Amino acid sequence: MAELGEFVIHHAELQALDVQVLGISADSIEKARETQSKLHTLFPILSDSEDKVMDQYGTRSPVYKGPGGTAINPPTLVLTDRTGTIRWLHQAADYRVRSPFSQDLEEIRKLK
């Protein structure tokens, strides 16, 4: 959740760059709402409990497994343009390690 917290802290800066942030979680809608409330996000956190977004972007991990042995999505940041075209994708090699926000911001600025 620390990475999401960075997006909360830098929300005004991201707005100034005309960036819309959407958090997407494999958790249930209720759990996603709890996370949004706990972090006081100014952006929505959506539920992808059926793994449709993960499959659409092809980010399902061959290594990490969730409950029941299903492959899960490690922490992933996807930057798309207004048409939905992927412009940059970062996927954590280790689910416990997130990319630093400074790297995310650098990639965002490259798209401007």
N, C-alpha and C. Protein backbone atom coordinates (compact mmCIF):
# COMPACT_ATOMS: atom_id res chain seq x y z
N MET A 1 0.80 -1.20 0.00
CA MET A 1 0.00 0.00 0.00
C MET A 1 0.85 1.26 0.00
N ALA A 2 2.12 1.13 0.30
CA ALA A 2 2.98 2.30 0.35
C ALA A 2 3.03 3.01 -0.99
N GLU A 3 3.06 2.24 -2.08
CA GLU A 3 3.10 2.87 -3.40
C GLU A 3 1.83 3.68 -3.66
N LEU A 4 0.67 3.14 -3.28
CA LEU A 4 -0.57 3.90 -3.43
C LEU A 4 -0.51 5.18 -2.60
N GLY A 5 0.08 5.08 -1.41
CA GLY A 5 0.22 6.26 -0.57
C GLY A 5 1.03 7.36 -1.25
N GLU A 6 2.02 6.98 -2.03
CA GLU A 6 2.81 7.97 -2.77
C GLU A 6 1.94 8.69 -3.80
N PHE A 7 1.03 7.97 -4.41
CA PHE A 7 0.14 8.60 -5.39
C PHE A 7 -0.84 9.54 -4.69
N VAL A 8 -1.18 9.25 -3.44
CA VAL A 8 -2.01 10.15 -2.64
C VAL A 8 -1.23 11.42 -2.33
N ILE A 9 0.00 11.25 -1.84
CA ILE A 9 0.84 12.39 -1.46
C ILE A 9 1.08 13.32 -2.65
N HIS A 10 1.28 12.74 -3.83
CA HIS A 10 1.62 13.53 -5.02
C HIS A 10 0.43 13.78 -5.94
N HIS A 11 -0.78 13.68 -5.38
CA HIS A 11 -1.99 13.82 -6.19
C HIS A 11 -2.04 15.16 -6.93
N ALA A 12 -1.75 16.25 -6.26
CA ALA A 12 -1.81 17.57 -6.90
C ALA A 12 -0.81 17.68 -8.04
N GLU A 13 0.38 17.13 -7.83
CA GLU A 13 1.41 17.16 -8.88
C GLU A 13 0.96 16.34 -10.10
N LEU A 14 0.33 15.21 -9.85
CA LEU A 14 -0.16 14.38 -10.95
C LEU A 14 -1.30 15.07 -11.68
N GLN A 15 -2.18 15.74 -10.95
CA GLN A 15 -3.26 16.49 -11.58
C GLN A 15 -2.69 17.59 -12.47
N ALA A 16 -1.65 18.26 -12.01
CA ALA A 16 -1.03 19.32 -12.80
C ALA A 16 -0.45 18.77 -14.10
N LEU A 17 -0.06 17.50 -14.09
CA LEU A 17 0.47 16.85 -15.29
C LEU A 17 -0.65 16.22 -16.13
N ASP A 18 -1.91 16.44 -15.72
CA ASP A 18 -3.09 15.90 -16.40
C ASP A 18 -3.09 14.38 -16.40
N VAL A 19 -2.72 13.80 -15.24
CA VAL A 19 -2.68 12.35 -15.08
C VAL A 19 -3.88 11.93 -14.25
N GLN A 20 -4.59 10.93 -14.73
CA GLN A 20 -5.69 10.35 -13.97
C GLN A 20 -5.20 9.03 -13.39
N VAL A 21 -5.31 8.89 -12.09
CA VAL A 21 -4.86 7.68 -11.41
C VAL A 21 -6.07 6.80 -11.11
N LEU A 22 -5.93 5.53 -11.42
CA LEU A 22 -6.93 4.52 -11.05
C LEU A 22 -6.18 3.38 -10.38
N GLY A 23 -6.54 3.06 -9.18
CA GLY A 23 -5.99 1.88 -8.53
C GLY A 23 -6.85 0.70 -8.91
N ILE A 24 -6.24 -0.41 -9.22
CA ILE A 24 -6.99 -1.62 -9.56
C ILE A 24 -6.46 -2.74 -8.69
N SER A 25 -7.37 -3.38 -7.98
CA SER A 25 -7.01 -4.43 -7.03
C SER A 25 -7.73 -5.72 -7.37
N ALA A 26 -7.07 -6.83 -7.10
CA ALA A 26 -7.71 -8.13 -7.28
C ALA A 26 -8.66 -8.44 -6.12
N ASP A 27 -8.68 -7.55 -5.14
CA ASP A 27 -9.56 -7.74 -3.99
C ASP A 27 -11.02 -7.50 -4.36
N SER A 28 -11.90 -7.88 -3.47
CA SER A 28 -13.33 -7.64 -3.66
C SER A 28 -13.63 -6.14 -3.66
N ILE A 29 -14.81 -5.78 -4.09
CA ILE A 29 -15.23 -4.38 -4.09
C ILE A 29 -15.16 -3.82 -2.67
N GLU A 30 -15.62 -4.58 -1.70
CA GLU A 30 -15.62 -4.12 -0.31
C GLU A 30 -14.20 -3.85 0.18
N LYS A 31 -13.29 -4.76 -0.11
CA LYS A 31 -11.89 -4.60 0.31
C LYS A 31 -11.25 -3.41 -0.40
N ALA A 32 -11.54 -3.22 -1.69
CA ALA A 32 -11.02 -2.08 -2.43
C ALA A 32 -11.52 -0.77 -1.82
N ARG A 33 -12.79 -0.75 -1.42
CA ARG A 33 -13.35 0.45 -0.76
C ARG A 33 -12.67 0.70 0.58
N GLU A 34 -12.41 -0.37 1.31
CA GLU A 34 -11.71 -0.22 2.60
C GLU A 34 -10.33 0.38 2.39
N THR A 35 -9.62 -0.10 1.39
CA THR A 35 -8.28 0.42 1.09
C THR A 35 -8.37 1.89 0.71
N GLN A 36 -9.33 2.23 -0.14
CA GLN A 36 -9.50 3.62 -0.56
C GLN A 36 -9.79 4.51 0.65
N SER A 37 -10.62 4.05 1.54
CA SER A 37 -10.95 4.82 2.74
C SER A 37 -9.75 4.94 3.68
N LYS A 38 -9.05 3.84 3.87
CA LYS A 38 -7.89 3.82 4.78
C LYS A 38 -6.80 4.76 4.30
N LEU A 39 -6.57 4.81 2.99
CA LEU A 39 -5.51 5.65 2.44
C LEU A 39 -5.97 7.06 2.10
N HIS A 40 -7.27 7.30 2.20
CA HIS A 40 -7.84 8.61 1.87
C HIS A 40 -7.47 9.02 0.44
N THR A 41 -7.60 8.07 -0.48
CA THR A 41 -7.24 8.39 -1.86
C THR A 41 -8.25 9.35 -2.47
N LEU A 42 -7.75 10.20 -3.34
CA LEU A 42 -8.60 11.11 -4.11
C LEU A 42 -8.86 10.53 -5.49
N PHE A 43 -8.51 9.28 -5.67
CA PHE A 43 -8.74 8.57 -6.92
C PHE A 43 -9.41 7.24 -6.57
N PRO A 44 -10.16 6.69 -7.52
CA PRO A 44 -10.85 5.43 -7.24
C PRO A 44 -9.90 4.24 -7.19
N ILE A 45 -10.26 3.28 -6.36
CA ILE A 45 -9.60 1.98 -6.36
C ILE A 45 -10.67 0.98 -6.78
N LEU A 46 -10.46 0.39 -7.92
CA LEU A 46 -11.45 -0.50 -8.52
C LEU A 46 -11.13 -1.95 -8.21
N SER A 47 -12.15 -2.77 -8.21
CA SER A 47 -11.99 -4.20 -7.97
C SER A 47 -11.90 -4.93 -9.29
N ASP A 48 -10.88 -5.78 -9.41
CA ASP A 48 -10.73 -6.68 -10.55
C ASP A 48 -10.73 -8.12 -10.03
N SER A 49 -11.73 -8.41 -9.19
CA SER A 49 -11.76 -9.71 -8.52
C SER A 49 -11.95 -10.87 -9.49
N GLU A 50 -12.36 -10.58 -10.71
CA GLU A 50 -12.49 -11.64 -11.72
C GLU A 50 -11.29 -11.67 -12.67
N ASP A 51 -10.27 -10.88 -12.39
CA ASP A 51 -8.99 -10.88 -13.14
C ASP A 51 -9.11 -10.46 -14.60
N LYS A 52 -10.15 -9.74 -14.95
CA LYS A 52 -10.34 -9.35 -16.35
C LYS A 52 -9.32 -8.31 -16.81
N VAL A 53 -9.02 -7.33 -15.96
CA VAL A 53 -8.05 -6.30 -16.34
C VAL A 53 -6.66 -6.91 -16.43
N MET A 54 -6.33 -7.75 -15.46
CA MET A 54 -5.03 -8.42 -15.45
C MET A 54 -4.85 -9.21 -16.76
N ASP A 55 -5.88 -9.90 -17.17
CA ASP A 55 -5.78 -10.67 -18.41
C ASP A 55 -5.74 -9.77 -19.64
N GLN A 56 -6.50 -8.68 -19.62
CA GLN A 56 -6.50 -7.73 -20.75
C GLN A 56 -5.11 -7.16 -20.99
N TYR A 57 -4.40 -6.83 -19.91
CA TYR A 57 -3.07 -6.25 -20.04
C TYR A 57 -1.95 -7.30 -20.08
N GLY A 58 -2.31 -8.57 -19.89
CA GLY A 58 -1.32 -9.63 -19.95
C GLY A 58 -0.29 -9.59 -18.84
N THR A 59 -0.72 -9.20 -17.65
CA THR A 59 0.23 -9.03 -16.55
C THR A 59 0.17 -10.15 -15.52
N ARG A 60 -0.55 -11.21 -15.80
CA ARG A 60 -0.63 -12.33 -14.87
C ARG A 60 0.76 -12.94 -14.71
N SER A 61 1.18 -13.14 -13.48
CA SER A 61 2.52 -13.63 -13.19
C SER A 61 2.62 -15.15 -13.35
N PRO A 62 3.68 -15.63 -13.99
CA PRO A 62 3.89 -17.07 -14.04
C PRO A 62 4.48 -17.61 -12.73
N VAL A 63 4.88 -16.69 -11.84
CA VAL A 63 5.57 -17.09 -10.61
C VAL A 63 4.67 -17.03 -9.39
N TYR A 64 3.97 -15.91 -9.21
CA TYR A 64 3.20 -15.70 -7.99
C TYR A 64 1.81 -16.29 -8.12
N LYS A 65 1.41 -16.98 -7.07
CA LYS A 65 0.11 -17.65 -7.04
C LYS A 65 -0.71 -17.11 -5.88
N GLY A 66 -1.98 -16.95 -6.14
CA GLY A 66 -2.91 -16.53 -5.10
C GLY A 66 -3.56 -17.72 -4.44
N PRO A 67 -4.59 -17.48 -3.64
CA PRO A 67 -5.32 -18.58 -3.01
C PRO A 67 -5.87 -19.53 -4.09
N GLY A 68 -5.74 -20.78 -3.87
CA GLY A 68 -6.22 -21.75 -4.84
C GLY A 68 -5.24 -22.04 -5.95
N GLY A 69 -4.03 -21.42 -5.89
CA GLY A 69 -3.00 -21.70 -6.87
C GLY A 69 -3.13 -20.94 -8.18
N THR A 70 -4.04 -19.97 -8.26
CA THR A 70 -4.21 -19.18 -9.47
C THR A 70 -3.11 -18.14 -9.58
N ALA A 71 -2.56 -17.98 -10.77
CA ALA A 71 -1.54 -16.96 -10.99
C ALA A 71 -2.14 -15.59 -10.71
N ILE A 72 -1.35 -14.75 -10.05
CA ILE A 72 -1.83 -13.41 -9.69
C ILE A 72 -0.96 -12.34 -10.35
N ASN A 73 -1.38 -11.12 -10.19
CA ASN A 73 -0.70 -9.97 -10.74
C ASN A 73 0.23 -9.39 -9.69
N PRO A 74 1.55 -9.37 -9.91
CA PRO A 74 2.41 -8.66 -8.96
C PRO A 74 2.17 -7.16 -9.12
N PRO A 75 2.67 -6.33 -8.21
CA PRO A 75 2.47 -4.89 -8.35
C PRO A 75 2.88 -4.42 -9.75
N THR A 76 1.96 -3.74 -10.38
CA THR A 76 2.15 -3.33 -11.77
C THR A 76 1.66 -1.90 -11.94
N LEU A 77 2.43 -1.11 -12.67
CA LEU A 77 2.00 0.23 -13.04
C LEU A 77 1.93 0.29 -14.55
N VAL A 78 0.77 0.66 -15.04
CA VAL A 78 0.55 0.76 -16.48
C VAL A 78 0.21 2.21 -16.80
N LEU A 79 0.97 2.82 -17.69
CA LEU A 79 0.65 4.17 -18.16
C LEU A 79 0.06 4.03 -19.55
N THR A 80 -1.14 4.54 -19.72
CA THR A 80 -1.78 4.53 -21.02
C THR A 80 -2.03 5.96 -21.47
N ASP A 81 -2.17 6.14 -22.77
CA ASP A 81 -2.56 7.46 -23.26
C ASP A 81 -4.09 7.53 -23.27
N ARG A 82 -4.61 8.61 -23.78
CA ARG A 82 -6.07 8.83 -23.76
C ARG A 82 -6.83 7.79 -24.57
N THR A 83 -6.17 7.14 -25.50
CA THR A 83 -6.85 6.13 -26.32
C THR A 83 -6.80 4.75 -25.68
N GLY A 84 -6.09 4.62 -24.55
CA GLY A 84 -5.96 3.33 -23.88
C GLY A 84 -4.76 2.53 -24.33
N THR A 85 -3.94 3.12 -25.19
CA THR A 85 -2.73 2.44 -25.66
C THR A 85 -1.68 2.45 -24.55
N ILE A 86 -1.12 1.30 -24.28
CA ILE A 86 -0.08 1.21 -23.26
C ILE A 86 1.17 1.93 -23.75
N ARG A 87 1.64 2.88 -22.96
CA ARG A 87 2.84 3.64 -23.29
C ARG A 87 4.03 3.21 -22.44
N TRP A 88 3.77 2.65 -21.25
CA TRP A 88 4.83 2.17 -20.36
C TRP A 88 4.20 1.21 -19.36
N LEU A 89 4.91 0.14 -19.06
CA LEU A 89 4.41 -0.83 -18.10
C LEU A 89 5.58 -1.26 -17.22
N HIS A 90 5.40 -1.18 -15.93
CA HIS A 90 6.42 -1.65 -14.98
C HIS A 90 5.77 -2.70 -14.11
N GLN A 91 6.40 -3.86 -14.07
CA GLN A 91 5.89 -4.94 -13.24
C GLN A 91 7.00 -5.35 -12.28
N ALA A 92 6.67 -5.38 -10.99
CA ALA A 92 7.65 -5.71 -9.97
C ALA A 92 8.16 -7.14 -10.14
N ALA A 93 9.45 -7.31 -10.04
CA ALA A 93 10.03 -8.65 -10.10
C ALA A 93 9.75 -9.41 -8.81
N ASP A 94 9.54 -8.66 -7.73
CA ASP A 94 9.25 -9.24 -6.43
C ASP A 94 8.02 -8.50 -5.88
N TYR A 95 6.96 -9.21 -5.56
CA TYR A 95 5.73 -8.56 -5.12
C TYR A 95 5.91 -7.72 -3.86
N ARG A 96 6.99 -7.93 -3.13
CA ARG A 96 7.24 -7.16 -1.91
C ARG A 96 7.95 -5.84 -2.18
N VAL A 97 8.44 -5.65 -3.42
CA VAL A 97 9.22 -4.46 -3.76
C VAL A 97 8.49 -3.66 -4.82
N ARG A 98 8.17 -2.44 -4.50
CA ARG A 98 7.48 -1.55 -5.44
C ARG A 98 8.49 -0.64 -6.11
N SER A 99 8.15 -0.15 -7.29
CA SER A 99 9.03 0.83 -7.93
C SER A 99 8.94 2.14 -7.15
N PRO A 100 10.03 2.87 -7.07
CA PRO A 100 9.98 4.16 -6.37
C PRO A 100 9.11 5.14 -7.16
N PHE A 101 8.39 5.98 -6.44
CA PHE A 101 7.51 6.94 -7.10
C PHE A 101 8.30 7.84 -8.04
N SER A 102 9.54 8.15 -7.70
CA SER A 102 10.34 9.02 -8.56
C SER A 102 10.50 8.40 -9.96
N GLN A 103 10.62 7.09 -10.04
CA GLN A 103 10.71 6.42 -11.35
C GLN A 103 9.37 6.52 -12.09
N ASP A 104 8.28 6.33 -11.37
CA ASP A 104 6.96 6.46 -11.98
C ASP A 104 6.78 7.87 -12.55
N LEU A 105 7.14 8.86 -11.76
CA LEU A 105 7.00 10.25 -12.17
C LEU A 105 7.87 10.57 -13.38
N GLU A 106 9.07 10.03 -13.41
CA GLU A 106 9.96 10.22 -14.56
C GLU A 106 9.33 9.67 -15.84
N GLU A 107 8.73 8.50 -15.75
CA GLU A 107 8.09 7.90 -16.92
C GLU A 107 6.86 8.70 -17.34
N ILE A 108 6.13 9.21 -16.39
CA ILE A 108 4.96 10.04 -16.69
C ILE A 108 5.40 11.29 -17.45
N ARG A 109 6.45 11.92 -16.98
CA ARG A 109 6.93 13.16 -17.62
C ARG A 109 7.43 12.89 -19.04
N LYS A 110 7.97 11.72 -19.30
CA LYS A 110 8.42 11.38 -20.65
C LYS A 110 7.27 11.34 -21.65
N LEU A 111 6.07 11.07 -21.17
CA LEU A 111 4.91 10.98 -22.05
C LEU A 111 4.33 12.34 -22.39
N LYS A 112 4.75 13.35 -21.70
CA LYS A 112 4.18 14.70 -21.90
C LYS A 112 4.89 15.41 -23.03
